Amino acid sequence: MGVSTSFRRHPAYLAIADELRARIERGELTAGDRLPTERDLVTEFGVARMTVRHALDILQLEGLIDRRRGRTGGTFVRSVPPVVELTRIEGLMPQLRERNLTVESEVLTAARIPAPAHVAQALGLEADDPVLHLIRLRRVEGTPLLLENSFLPEHLVPGLLDEDLTGSLHDLVRDGWGLRPVRKWETITPGIASGWEQETLGVTRNLPLLRLTRTVESDRGDIIQYSEDALRSDIAHIQVVTEDEPLPGTAKPQLRPLAVPGETDRDLDGPLLSGTRA
């Protein structure tokens, strides 16, 4: 198997990661296959359980495996991560559905709150104006993928909290209030998962998240949504498509100033500005 040579050249956790990666590349383990348990790997390689976990952390970071909790959980070989485009007006979830993937939503927070200063700035409101705050956990094929942290001006979508909030917000505001999303501004920054995000997304602190900050404008010129989302980088890949010139009949988008949360706005052990924790 050649593992002993690798162990002499590399730290044990790297050698284990190399060997498991090689088994996947050789087709000995294919998409959907369950990896040996941590206990079995400890026995096979003769190392401590923490060393095995470190090796699995590397493979998860590379997007090769998926760790699932519960009675049917375990560590499985992942299929090739789907690619989603930021340049499309619809969000990530509709694009994943187009690929025949099962998408589920769980509403963790749905509340009316005073707009924090940076949210008010992004939505064109005064500080403390009422906004509707939604936190939703999105799963793909049963695996947590995305924490959506959205704010909408209450005066534009009164009664929104009484609706089914598990589907597309864009479809909901278009069909219910005649606000058609036509333009969005989105920024991406890397980040480390907070304790609450680790628990909710089922990740370790070693797995970096992609933080997506999004502002959406309607066909009436209103800013209808501001979001600060956390995306697992091992489950979906982001693609950005650019063009030399705008399409006929469209204007070149203007850059918007970023709304920057203050240091006190982010609770490292809970959802951002949730007010309540589900």
Protein backbone atom coordinates (compact mmCIF):
# COMPACT_ATOMS: atom_id res chain seq x y z
CA MET A 1 0.00 0.00 0.00
CA GLY A 2 3.00 2.30 0.36
CA VAL A 3 1.71 4.02 3.47
CA SER A 4 4.83 3.35 5.55
CA THR A 5 7.06 5.23 3.08
CA SER A 6 4.68 8.20 3.18
CA PHE A 7 4.71 8.13 6.98
CA ARG A 8 8.49 8.41 7.01
CA ARG A 9 8.37 11.48 4.76
CA HIS A 10 5.41 13.41 6.17
CA PRO A 11 3.61 14.03 9.44
CA ALA A 12 1.17 11.21 10.15
CA TYR A 13 -1.99 13.26 9.50
CA LEU A 14 -0.70 14.33 6.06
CA ALA A 15 0.24 10.76 5.17
CA ILE A 16 -3.21 9.51 6.13
CA ALA A 17 -4.85 12.28 4.10
CA ASP A 18 -2.60 11.41 1.13
CA GLU A 19 -3.51 7.73 1.34
CA LEU A 20 -7.26 8.31 1.59
CA ARG A 21 -7.10 10.86 -1.23
CA ALA A 22 -5.24 8.33 -3.37
CA ARG A 23 -7.93 5.71 -2.74
CA ILE A 24 -10.54 8.17 -3.97
CA GLU A 25 -8.47 9.07 -7.04
CA ARG A 26 -7.91 5.37 -7.86
CA GLY A 27 -11.64 4.73 -7.65
CA GLU A 28 -11.37 2.44 -4.65
CA LEU A 29 -13.74 4.85 -2.93
CA THR A 30 -16.36 6.53 -5.12
CA ALA A 31 -19.05 9.19 -4.60
CA GLY A 32 -21.44 8.11 -1.86
CA ASP A 33 -19.14 5.48 -0.37
CA ARG A 34 -18.72 5.51 3.38
CA LEU A 35 -15.16 5.82 4.66
CA PRO A 36 -13.95 3.58 7.49
CA THR A 37 -14.88 4.87 10.93
CA GLU A 38 -12.41 6.93 12.93
CA ARG A 39 -11.86 3.91 15.17
CA ASP A 40 -11.07 1.71 12.16
CA LEU A 41 -8.65 4.30 10.77
CA VAL A 42 -6.94 4.57 14.16
CA THR A 43 -6.42 0.81 14.11
CA GLU A 44 -5.31 0.72 10.46
CA PHE A 45 -2.72 3.48 10.74
CA GLY A 46 -1.73 3.01 14.36
CA VAL A 47 -2.21 6.66 15.35
CA ALA A 48 -4.28 8.68 17.82
CA ARG A 49 -7.87 9.60 16.99
CA MET A 50 -6.96 13.30 16.90
CA THR A 51 -4.46 12.54 14.12
CA VAL A 52 -7.17 10.80 12.10
CA ARG A 53 -9.54 13.73 12.62
CA HIS A 54 -6.88 16.16 11.43
CA ALA A 55 -6.45 14.10 8.25
CA LEU A 56 -10.21 14.07 7.66
CA ASP A 57 -10.32 17.84 8.23
CA ILE A 58 -7.91 18.23 5.30
CA LEU A 59 -10.03 16.07 2.99
CA GLN A 60 -13.17 17.97 3.99
CA LEU A 61 -11.42 21.27 3.34
CA GLU A 62 -10.54 19.98 -0.14
CA GLY A 63 -14.19 19.10 -0.76
CA LEU A 64 -13.52 15.36 -1.08
CA ILE A 65 -15.60 14.10 1.84
CA ASP A 66 -18.76 14.99 3.71
CA ARG A 67 -19.32 14.36 7.41
CA ARG A 68 -22.89 13.68 8.48
CA ARG A 69 -24.32 13.45 11.96
CA GLY A 70 -26.99 11.23 13.44
CA ARG A 71 -27.71 7.52 13.36
CA THR A 72 -27.25 7.37 9.59
CA GLY A 73 -24.23 9.63 9.73
CA GLY A 74 -20.60 8.99 9.02
CA THR A 75 -17.94 10.17 6.60
CA PHE A 76 -18.75 9.83 2.89
CA VAL A 77 -17.01 10.52 -0.41
CA ARG A 78 -18.57 13.57 -2.01
CA SER A 79 -19.53 14.04 -5.61
CA VAL A 80 -18.06 16.96 -7.56
CA PRO A 81 -19.37 20.16 -5.91
CA PRO A 82 -21.96 22.02 -8.01
CA VAL A 83 -21.01 25.41 -9.42
CA VAL A 84 -23.30 28.41 -8.90
CA GLU A 85 -23.06 31.81 -10.57
CA LEU A 86 -23.14 35.11 -8.71
CA THR A 87 -23.89 36.94 -11.96
CA ARG A 88 -27.44 35.54 -12.13
CA ILE A 89 -30.18 37.50 -10.40
CA GLU A 90 -31.70 34.39 -8.81
CA GLY A 91 -30.02 33.08 -5.70
CA LEU A 92 -27.95 29.97 -5.14
CA MET A 93 -30.83 27.64 -4.26
CA PRO A 94 -32.79 27.91 -7.55
CA GLN A 95 -29.56 27.19 -9.42
CA LEU A 96 -28.99 24.05 -7.34
CA ARG A 97 -32.57 22.92 -8.01
CA GLU A 98 -31.86 23.28 -11.73
CA ARG A 99 -29.21 20.59 -11.23
CA ASN A 100 -31.88 18.25 -9.80
CA LEU A 101 -30.49 18.54 -6.29
CA THR A 102 -32.83 18.35 -3.30
CA VAL A 103 -32.92 21.71 -1.49
CA GLU A 104 -34.54 22.21 1.92
CA SER A 105 -35.01 25.32 4.07
CA GLU A 106 -35.45 25.76 7.81
CA VAL A 107 -36.47 29.13 9.26
CA LEU A 108 -34.41 29.78 12.38
CA THR A 109 -35.44 33.41 13.00
CA ALA A 110 -38.33 35.51 11.67
CA ALA A 111 -38.73 38.79 13.54
CA ARG A 112 -39.46 42.50 13.27
CA ILE A 113 -36.51 44.50 14.63
CA PRO A 114 -35.15 48.07 14.53
CA ALA A 115 -32.65 48.37 11.69
CA PRO A 116 -29.02 48.37 12.88
CA ALA A 117 -27.07 51.30 11.49
CA HIS A 118 -25.22 49.41 8.74
CA VAL A 119 -28.41 47.60 7.65
CA ALA A 120 -30.31 50.89 7.51
CA GLN A 121 -27.52 52.36 5.37
CA ALA A 122 -27.67 49.44 2.93
CA LEU A 123 -31.47 49.61 2.64
CA GLY A 124 -31.64 53.40 2.39
CA LEU A 125 -33.48 53.72 5.72
CA GLU A 126 -33.03 55.67 8.91
CA ALA A 127 -31.39 53.89 11.84
CA ASP A 128 -33.96 51.99 13.91
CA ASP A 129 -36.57 51.99 11.13
CA PRO A 130 -38.45 48.66 11.31
CA VAL A 131 -37.08 45.83 9.18
CA LEU A 132 -37.97 42.17 8.86
CA HIS A 133 -35.12 39.89 9.86
CA LEU A 134 -34.90 36.30 8.59
CA ILE A 135 -32.29 33.66 9.30
CA ARG A 136 -32.70 30.49 7.26
CA LEU A 137 -30.63 27.33 7.11
CA ARG A 138 -30.45 25.88 3.61
CA ARG A 139 -29.60 22.22 3.06
CA VAL A 140 -28.63 20.44 -0.15
CA GLU A 141 -29.13 16.68 -0.33
CA GLY A 142 -29.62 16.78 3.44
CA THR A 143 -26.30 18.53 4.13
CA PRO A 144 -26.23 22.07 5.62
CA LEU A 145 -24.90 24.46 2.96
CA LEU A 146 -25.87 28.06 3.67
CA LEU A 147 -26.93 30.32 6.51
CA GLU A 148 -28.99 33.16 5.02
CA ASN A 149 -29.19 36.28 7.19
CA SER A 150 -31.61 38.67 5.43
CA PHE A 151 -33.15 42.06 6.18
CA LEU A 152 -36.11 43.56 4.28
CA PRO A 153 -37.79 46.99 4.77
CA GLU A 154 -41.11 46.37 6.49
CA HIS A 155 -42.91 49.19 4.69
CA LEU A 156 -42.24 47.52 1.32
CA VAL A 157 -43.39 44.03 2.31
CA PRO A 158 -45.93 44.36 5.17
CA GLY A 159 -47.21 40.99 6.31
CA LEU A 160 -44.24 39.06 4.94
CA LEU A 161 -43.72 37.22 8.23
CA ASP A 162 -47.18 35.64 7.86
CA GLU A 163 -46.16 33.92 4.62
CA ASP A 164 -44.36 30.64 3.95
CA LEU A 165 -40.71 31.67 4.24
CA THR A 166 -39.10 28.41 3.19
CA GLY A 167 -39.14 29.18 -0.53
CA SER A 168 -37.61 31.88 -2.71
CA LEU A 169 -37.81 35.37 -1.21
CA HIS A 170 -37.48 36.84 -4.70
CA ASP A 171 -40.56 34.94 -5.88
CA LEU A 172 -42.43 35.86 -2.71
CA VAL A 173 -41.89 39.62 -2.93
CA ARG A 174 -42.58 39.60 -6.68
CA ASP A 175 -45.83 37.65 -6.48
CA GLY A 176 -47.07 39.15 -3.21
CA TRP A 177 -46.01 42.79 -3.47
CA GLY A 178 -45.18 43.32 -7.14
CA LEU A 179 -41.48 43.95 -6.46
CA ARG A 180 -39.43 42.26 -9.17
CA PRO A 181 -35.72 41.88 -8.33
CA VAL A 182 -33.69 43.13 -11.27
CA ARG A 183 -30.24 43.96 -9.92
CA LYS A 184 -27.97 42.85 -7.11
CA TRP A 185 -24.58 43.78 -5.69
CA GLU A 186 -22.63 40.99 -4.06
CA THR A 187 -19.26 40.78 -2.33
CA ILE A 188 -17.39 37.67 -1.17
CA THR A 189 -14.93 37.47 1.70
CA PRO A 190 -13.41 34.43 3.44
CA GLY A 191 -14.13 33.88 7.10
CA ILE A 192 -13.82 31.49 10.01
CA ALA A 193 -17.01 29.93 11.37
CA SER A 194 -18.20 31.17 14.75
CA GLY A 195 -19.19 28.64 17.39
CA TRP A 196 -22.86 28.93 16.46
CA GLU A 197 -22.09 28.62 12.74
CA GLN A 198 -19.97 25.52 13.37
CA GLU A 199 -22.85 23.90 15.23
CA THR A 200 -25.53 24.92 12.73
CA LEU A 201 -23.61 24.17 9.52
CA GLY A 202 -21.94 21.05 10.91
CA VAL A 203 -18.39 22.23 10.23
CA THR A 204 -15.17 22.54 12.19
CA ARG A 205 -13.29 25.77 12.75
CA ASN A 206 -10.69 24.55 10.24
CA LEU A 207 -13.16 24.82 7.35
CA PRO A 208 -13.26 28.38 5.97
CA LEU A 209 -16.62 29.86 5.06
CA LEU A 210 -17.43 32.20 2.21
CA ARG A 211 -19.27 35.28 3.49
CA LEU A 212 -21.62 36.74 0.89
CA THR A 213 -22.90 40.28 1.37
CA ARG A 214 -25.77 41.03 -1.00
CA THR A 215 -27.99 44.03 -1.80
CA VAL A 216 -30.99 43.57 -4.12
CA GLU A 217 -32.85 46.29 -6.06
CA SER A 218 -36.35 46.02 -7.53
CA ASP A 219 -37.65 47.22 -10.88
CA ARG A 220 -39.09 50.24 -9.03
CA GLY A 221 -35.66 51.29 -7.80
CA ASP A 222 -36.26 50.24 -4.19
CA ILE A 223 -33.64 48.33 -2.23
CA ILE A 224 -35.70 45.36 -1.11
CA GLN A 225 -33.15 43.08 0.56
CA TYR A 226 -29.80 43.20 2.32
CA SER A 227 -28.20 39.88 3.30
CA GLU A 228 -25.10 38.64 5.09
CA ASP A 229 -24.78 34.93 4.36
CA ALA A 230 -22.32 32.18 5.32
CA LEU A 231 -21.64 29.52 2.67
CA ARG A 232 -19.77 26.26 3.15
CA SER A 233 -16.87 26.35 0.70
CA ASP A 234 -16.66 22.56 0.47
CA ILE A 235 -20.25 22.00 -0.72
CA ALA A 236 -20.66 24.51 -3.58
CA HIS A 237 -18.22 26.42 -5.74
CA ILE A 238 -18.76 30.02 -6.85
CA GLN A 239 -18.39 31.12 -10.46
CA VAL A 240 -18.38 34.71 -11.72
CA VAL A 241 -19.12 35.37 -15.40
CA THR A 242 -17.99 38.68 -16.92
CA GLU A 243 -18.71 40.37 -20.25
CA ASP A 244 -16.91 43.14 -22.12
CA GLU A 245 -20.09 45.14 -22.72
CA PRO A 246 -23.56 45.23 -21.15
CA LEU A 247 -26.27 43.37 -23.02
CA PRO A 248 -28.41 45.48 -25.39
CA GLY A 249 -30.96 47.54 -23.51
CA THR A 250 -29.22 47.30 -20.14
CA ALA A 251 -27.28 49.97 -18.33
CA LYS A 252 -23.89 49.43 -16.77
CA PRO A 253 -24.41 48.82 -13.03
CA GLN A 254 -23.05 51.44 -10.66
CA LEU A 255 -21.01 50.36 -7.67
CA ARG A 256 -22.69 50.82 -4.32
CA PRO A 257 -20.87 51.65 -1.09
CA LEU A 258 -20.54 48.65 1.19
CA ALA A 259 -22.40 48.51 4.48
CA VAL A 260 -19.77 47.51 7.01
CA PRO A 261 -20.97 45.96 10.27
CA GLY A 262 -19.39 47.34 13.40
CA GLU A 263 -17.24 45.13 15.59
CA THR A 264 -20.05 44.86 18.14
CA ASP A 265 -22.63 43.76 15.56
CA ARG A 266 -21.30 40.22 15.18
CA ASP A 267 -21.95 37.79 18.03
CA LEU A 268 -19.29 35.12 17.63
CA ASP A 269 -21.42 32.61 19.53
CA GLY A 270 -24.73 33.29 17.84
CA PRO A 271 -26.47 34.48 14.67
CA LEU A 272 -25.67 37.98 13.47
CA LEU A 273 -28.16 40.47 14.91
CA SER A 274 -30.80 37.80 15.32
CA GLY A 275 -32.34 39.28 18.44
CA THR A 276 -33.48 35.78 19.36
CA ARG A 277 -31.90 32.42 18.84
CA ALA A 278 -33.98 29.53 17.58
